[in-house]
N, C-alpha and C. Protein backbone atom coordinates (compact mmCIF):
# COMPACT_ATOMS: atom_id res chain seq x y z
N UNK A 1 2.83 -1.16 11.25
CA UNK A 1 2.71 -0.42 10.01
C UNK A 1 3.88 -0.73 9.08
N UNK A 2 5.05 -1.05 9.65
CA UNK A 2 6.21 -1.38 8.82
C UNK A 2 5.93 -2.60 7.95
N UNK A 3 5.26 -3.61 8.53
CA UNK A 3 4.92 -4.81 7.75
C UNK A 3 4.03 -4.45 6.57
N UNK A 4 3.08 -3.57 6.80
CA UNK A 4 2.16 -3.17 5.73
C UNK A 4 2.91 -2.44 4.62
N UNK A 5 3.80 -1.53 4.99
CA UNK A 5 4.57 -0.79 3.98
C UNK A 5 5.48 -1.72 3.19
N UNK A 6 6.12 -2.65 3.89
CA UNK A 6 6.97 -3.62 3.19
C UNK A 6 6.13 -4.51 2.27
N UNK A 7 4.94 -4.87 2.73
CA UNK A 7 4.08 -5.74 1.93
C UNK A 7 3.65 -5.06 0.63
N UNK A 8 3.27 -3.80 0.70
CA UNK A 8 2.78 -3.14 -0.52
C UNK A 8 3.92 -2.63 -1.40
N UNK A 9 5.15 -2.76 -0.93
CA UNK A 9 6.29 -2.37 -1.75
C UNK A 9 6.47 -3.32 -2.94
N UNK A 10 5.93 -4.52 -2.82
CA UNK A 10 6.09 -5.53 -3.87
C UNK A 10 4.96 -5.41 -4.90
N UNK A 11 5.29 -5.32 -6.20
CA UNK A 11 4.24 -5.17 -7.21
C UNK A 11 3.28 -6.35 -7.29
N UNK A 12 3.75 -7.55 -7.04
CA UNK A 12 2.85 -8.71 -7.06
C UNK A 12 1.80 -8.59 -5.97
N UNK A 13 2.23 -8.17 -4.79
CA UNK A 13 1.27 -8.03 -3.68
C UNK A 13 0.30 -6.88 -3.94
N UNK A 14 0.77 -5.82 -4.56
CA UNK A 14 -0.17 -4.73 -4.92
C UNK A 14 -1.19 -5.23 -5.93
N UNK A 15 -0.76 -6.05 -6.84
CA UNK A 15 -1.70 -6.61 -7.82
C UNK A 15 -2.71 -7.53 -7.13
N UNK A 16 -2.25 -8.32 -6.19
CA UNK A 16 -3.16 -9.19 -5.43
C UNK A 16 -4.19 -8.33 -4.69
N UNK A 17 -3.74 -7.26 -4.07
CA UNK A 17 -4.68 -6.37 -3.37
C UNK A 17 -5.74 -5.83 -4.33
N UNK A 18 -5.32 -5.52 -5.52
CA UNK A 18 -6.29 -5.06 -6.53
C UNK A 18 -7.31 -6.13 -6.87
N UNK A 19 -6.86 -7.37 -6.91
CA UNK A 19 -7.77 -8.47 -7.24
C UNK A 19 -8.80 -8.73 -6.15
N UNK A 20 -8.42 -8.48 -4.91
CA UNK A 20 -9.33 -8.78 -3.79
C UNK A 20 -9.94 -7.52 -3.19
N UNK A 21 -9.80 -6.40 -3.89
CA UNK A 21 -10.29 -5.13 -3.35
C UNK A 21 -11.81 -5.10 -3.21
N UNK A 22 -12.52 -5.50 -4.25
CA UNK A 22 -13.98 -5.42 -4.24
C UNK A 22 -14.65 -6.68 -3.71
N UNK A 23 -14.13 -7.82 -4.08
CA UNK A 23 -14.76 -9.10 -3.73
C UNK A 23 -13.72 -10.06 -3.20
N UNK A 24 -14.16 -10.94 -2.32
CA UNK A 24 -13.23 -11.97 -1.88
C UNK A 24 -13.00 -12.95 -3.02
N UNK A 25 -11.80 -13.49 -3.03
CA UNK A 25 -11.39 -14.39 -4.10
C UNK A 25 -10.79 -15.65 -3.50
N UNK A 26 -11.02 -16.76 -4.18
CA UNK A 26 -10.39 -18.01 -3.78
C UNK A 26 -8.89 -17.92 -4.03
N UNK A 27 -8.12 -18.55 -3.16
CA UNK A 27 -6.67 -18.54 -3.32
C UNK A 27 -6.27 -19.09 -4.69
N UNK A 28 -6.92 -20.15 -5.13
CA UNK A 28 -6.59 -20.74 -6.43
C UNK A 28 -6.90 -19.80 -7.58
N UNK A 29 -7.98 -19.04 -7.47
CA UNK A 29 -8.34 -18.08 -8.51
C UNK A 29 -7.31 -16.96 -8.57
N UNK A 30 -6.85 -16.55 -7.41
CA UNK A 30 -5.80 -15.51 -7.36
C UNK A 30 -4.54 -16.04 -8.01
N UNK A 31 -4.14 -17.25 -7.63
CA UNK A 31 -2.92 -17.85 -8.18
C UNK A 31 -3.01 -18.01 -9.69
N UNK A 32 -4.21 -18.29 -10.20
CA UNK A 32 -4.40 -18.47 -11.63
C UNK A 32 -4.15 -17.21 -12.44
N UNK A 33 -4.09 -16.07 -11.79
CA UNK A 33 -3.87 -14.80 -12.49
C UNK A 33 -2.38 -14.45 -12.64
N UNK A 34 -1.51 -15.33 -12.13
CA UNK A 34 -0.08 -15.05 -12.14
C UNK A 34 0.69 -16.15 -12.84
N UNK A 35 1.83 -15.77 -13.42
CA UNK A 35 2.73 -16.73 -14.04
C UNK A 35 3.76 -17.19 -13.02
N UNK A 36 3.26 -17.74 -11.92
CA UNK A 36 4.14 -18.29 -10.89
C UNK A 36 3.39 -19.43 -10.23
N UNK A 37 4.09 -20.20 -9.45
CA UNK A 37 3.47 -21.37 -8.82
C UNK A 37 2.47 -20.94 -7.76
N UNK A 38 1.53 -21.81 -7.46
CA UNK A 38 0.55 -21.52 -6.42
C UNK A 38 1.24 -21.33 -5.06
N UNK A 39 2.26 -22.15 -4.73
CA UNK A 39 2.96 -21.89 -3.46
C UNK A 39 3.60 -20.49 -3.40
N UNK A 40 4.10 -20.00 -4.53
CA UNK A 40 4.71 -18.66 -4.54
C UNK A 40 3.64 -17.60 -4.27
N UNK A 41 2.47 -17.76 -4.91
CA UNK A 41 1.38 -16.81 -4.66
C UNK A 41 0.91 -16.93 -3.21
N UNK A 42 0.87 -18.15 -2.70
CA UNK A 42 0.48 -18.35 -1.29
C UNK A 42 1.42 -17.62 -0.34
N UNK A 43 2.71 -17.57 -0.67
CA UNK A 43 3.66 -16.84 0.16
C UNK A 43 3.35 -15.34 0.15
N UNK A 44 2.99 -14.82 -1.02
CA UNK A 44 2.61 -13.41 -1.11
C UNK A 44 1.33 -13.16 -0.29
N UNK A 45 0.38 -14.07 -0.37
CA UNK A 45 -0.85 -13.93 0.42
C UNK A 45 -0.54 -13.96 1.91
N UNK A 46 0.40 -14.79 2.31
CA UNK A 46 0.78 -14.88 3.73
C UNK A 46 1.38 -13.56 4.20
N UNK A 47 2.21 -12.95 3.37
CA UNK A 47 2.80 -11.65 3.74
C UNK A 47 1.69 -10.61 3.92
N UNK A 48 0.73 -10.59 2.99
CA UNK A 48 -0.39 -9.65 3.10
C UNK A 48 -1.24 -9.95 4.33
N UNK A 49 -1.43 -11.21 4.63
CA UNK A 49 -2.20 -11.61 5.81
C UNK A 49 -1.48 -11.22 7.09
N UNK A 50 -0.17 -11.48 7.14
CA UNK A 50 0.63 -11.11 8.32
C UNK A 50 0.64 -9.60 8.55
N UNK A 51 0.56 -8.85 7.45
CA UNK A 51 0.53 -7.38 7.55
C UNK A 51 -0.88 -6.86 7.80
N UNK A 52 -1.85 -7.76 7.89
CA UNK A 52 -3.26 -7.44 8.13
C UNK A 52 -3.88 -6.64 6.98
N UNK A 53 -3.33 -6.79 5.79
CA UNK A 53 -3.87 -6.07 4.64
C UNK A 53 -4.95 -6.87 3.91
N UNK A 54 -5.03 -8.16 4.20
CA UNK A 54 -6.11 -9.00 3.69
C UNK A 54 -6.67 -9.82 4.84
N UNK A 55 -7.92 -10.24 4.66
CA UNK A 55 -8.54 -11.14 5.62
C UNK A 55 -8.71 -12.49 4.95
N UNK A 56 -8.79 -13.52 5.76
CA UNK A 56 -8.93 -14.89 5.27
C UNK A 56 -10.19 -15.49 5.86
N UNK A 57 -10.98 -16.10 4.98
CA UNK A 57 -12.16 -16.85 5.43
C UNK A 57 -12.02 -18.25 4.87
N UNK A 58 -12.10 -19.23 5.77
CA UNK A 58 -12.00 -20.63 5.35
C UNK A 58 -13.39 -21.23 5.28
N UNK A 59 -13.58 -22.00 4.24
CA UNK A 59 -14.83 -22.74 4.07
C UNK A 59 -14.43 -24.13 3.61
N UNK A 60 -14.37 -25.06 4.55
CA UNK A 60 -13.85 -26.39 4.25
C UNK A 60 -12.38 -26.27 3.88
N UNK A 61 -12.04 -26.76 2.71
CA UNK A 61 -10.64 -26.67 2.27
C UNK A 61 -10.38 -25.43 1.44
N UNK A 62 -11.40 -24.64 1.21
CA UNK A 62 -11.26 -23.42 0.41
C UNK A 62 -10.82 -22.25 1.28
N UNK A 63 -9.97 -21.42 0.68
CA UNK A 63 -9.51 -20.21 1.38
C UNK A 63 -9.88 -19.00 0.54
N UNK A 64 -10.65 -18.10 1.15
CA UNK A 64 -11.10 -16.87 0.48
C UNK A 64 -10.37 -15.68 1.09
N UNK A 65 -9.87 -14.83 0.22
CA UNK A 65 -9.15 -13.63 0.66
C UNK A 65 -9.91 -12.39 0.21
N UNK A 66 -9.83 -11.37 1.05
CA UNK A 66 -10.45 -10.08 0.76
C UNK A 66 -9.56 -8.98 1.34
N UNK A 67 -9.52 -7.84 0.68
CA UNK A 67 -8.73 -6.71 1.18
C UNK A 67 -9.32 -6.22 2.50
N UNK A 68 -8.44 -5.86 3.42
CA UNK A 68 -8.85 -5.27 4.69
C UNK A 68 -8.82 -3.75 4.49
N UNK A 69 -9.97 -3.20 4.21
CA UNK A 69 -10.07 -1.78 3.87
C UNK A 69 -9.67 -0.87 5.02
N UNK A 70 -9.95 -1.27 6.26
CA UNK A 70 -9.56 -0.42 7.40
C UNK A 70 -8.04 -0.33 7.51
N UNK A 71 -7.36 -1.46 7.33
CA UNK A 71 -5.90 -1.45 7.42
C UNK A 71 -5.31 -0.63 6.27
N UNK A 72 -5.90 -0.76 5.09
CA UNK A 72 -5.41 0.01 3.95
C UNK A 72 -5.65 1.50 4.16
N UNK A 73 -6.75 1.85 4.81
CA UNK A 73 -7.03 3.26 5.10
C UNK A 73 -5.98 3.83 6.05
N UNK A 74 -5.53 3.01 7.01
CA UNK A 74 -4.49 3.46 7.94
C UNK A 74 -3.18 3.69 7.19
N UNK A 75 -2.86 2.81 6.25
CA UNK A 75 -1.65 2.99 5.44
C UNK A 75 -1.77 4.27 4.62
N UNK A 76 -2.93 4.48 4.04
CA UNK A 76 -3.15 5.68 3.24
C UNK A 76 -2.97 6.95 4.08
N UNK A 77 -3.52 6.95 5.30
CA UNK A 77 -3.37 8.12 6.18
C UNK A 77 -1.90 8.38 6.49
N UNK A 78 -1.15 7.32 6.73
CA UNK A 78 0.27 7.46 7.02
C UNK A 78 1.01 8.07 5.84
N UNK A 79 0.74 7.55 4.65
CA UNK A 79 1.41 8.06 3.45
C UNK A 79 0.99 9.50 3.17
N UNK A 80 -0.30 9.79 3.32
CA UNK A 80 -0.76 11.16 3.10
C UNK A 80 -0.13 12.14 4.08
N UNK A 81 0.00 11.72 5.35
CA UNK A 81 0.63 12.59 6.34
C UNK A 81 2.09 12.85 5.97
N UNK A 82 2.77 11.82 5.51
CA UNK A 82 4.15 11.97 5.07
C UNK A 82 4.24 12.99 3.94
N UNK A 83 3.39 12.82 2.92
CA UNK A 83 3.43 13.74 1.79
C UNK A 83 2.98 15.13 2.19
N UNK A 84 1.98 15.24 3.06
CA UNK A 84 1.53 16.55 3.50
C UNK A 84 2.67 17.31 4.16
N UNK A 85 3.44 16.62 5.02
CA UNK A 85 4.58 17.25 5.69
C UNK A 85 5.63 17.69 4.68
N UNK A 86 5.93 16.81 3.73
CA UNK A 86 6.96 17.12 2.73
C UNK A 86 6.51 18.26 1.82
N UNK A 87 5.25 18.24 1.41
CA UNK A 87 4.75 19.30 0.55
C UNK A 87 4.71 20.64 1.28
N UNK A 88 4.37 20.62 2.57
CA UNK A 88 4.37 21.85 3.35
C UNK A 88 5.79 22.41 3.45
N UNK A 89 6.78 21.54 3.65
CA UNK A 89 8.17 21.98 3.72
C UNK A 89 8.63 22.55 2.38
N UNK A 90 8.21 21.91 1.29
CA UNK A 90 8.55 22.41 -0.04
C UNK A 90 7.91 23.77 -0.29
N UNK A 91 6.66 23.92 0.12
CA UNK A 91 5.95 25.19 -0.04
C UNK A 91 6.66 26.29 0.75
N UNK A 92 7.03 25.99 2.01
CA UNK A 92 7.74 26.96 2.84
C UNK A 92 9.06 27.37 2.20
N UNK A 93 9.79 26.40 1.66
CA UNK A 93 11.08 26.69 1.03
C UNK A 93 10.88 27.56 -0.21
N UNK A 94 9.87 27.24 -1.01
CA UNK A 94 9.61 28.03 -2.22
C UNK A 94 9.21 29.46 -1.86
N UNK A 95 8.37 29.62 -0.83
CA UNK A 95 7.97 30.96 -0.42
C UNK A 95 9.14 31.75 0.14
N UNK A 96 10.02 31.08 0.88
CA UNK A 96 11.20 31.76 1.42
C UNK A 96 12.11 32.21 0.28
N UNK A 97 12.24 31.36 -0.74
CA UNK A 97 13.06 31.72 -1.88
C UNK A 97 12.46 32.92 -2.62
N UNK A 98 11.15 32.93 -2.76
CA UNK A 98 10.48 34.07 -3.41
C UNK A 98 10.71 35.36 -2.63
N UNK A 99 10.63 35.28 -1.31
CA UNK A 99 10.88 36.46 -0.49
C UNK A 99 12.30 36.97 -0.67
N UNK A 100 13.25 36.02 -0.74
CA UNK A 100 14.65 36.41 -0.91
C UNK A 100 14.87 37.05 -2.28
N UNK A 101 14.19 36.58 -3.29
CA UNK A 101 14.34 37.15 -4.64
C UNK A 101 13.74 38.55 -4.70
N UNK A 102 12.71 38.78 -3.93
CA UNK A 102 12.04 40.08 -3.95
C UNK A 102 12.73 41.13 -3.11
N UNK A 103 13.68 40.71 -2.27
CA UNK A 103 14.41 41.60 -1.38
C UNK A 103 15.53 42.32 -2.13
N UNK A 104 15.71 43.63 -1.90
CA UNK A 104 16.82 44.32 -2.55
C UNK A 104 18.16 43.83 -1.97
N UNK A 105 19.20 43.89 -2.81
CA UNK A 105 20.53 43.48 -2.36
C UNK A 105 21.04 44.43 -1.28
N UNK A 106 21.88 43.92 -0.41
CA UNK A 106 22.46 44.74 0.67
C UNK A 106 23.79 45.36 0.27
N UNK A 107 23.98 45.71 -0.97
CA UNK A 107 25.27 46.26 -1.43
C UNK A 107 25.47 47.62 -0.86
């Protein structure tokens, strides 16, 4: 999961995921959407592939990439659990503060 989180931390890789979310795309078509060299885009694709966030299908010399929706769902669950825990802690702290404000002073 660490590889996936590190992979999506990069804005270029998030943009690539957006490009391959609905349909598989040729590596060259993906590279054509960026102002960087094809080898640089290929490195980003490799990071996403190593993190299992995209799948690769080869057809002759062509390479097609598509988002791995199951892996992305696992990342989403992890992030949601993190936020759920943090929001619950924030809610508890706010409620405790409200209780303290409503309590008479012990003077």
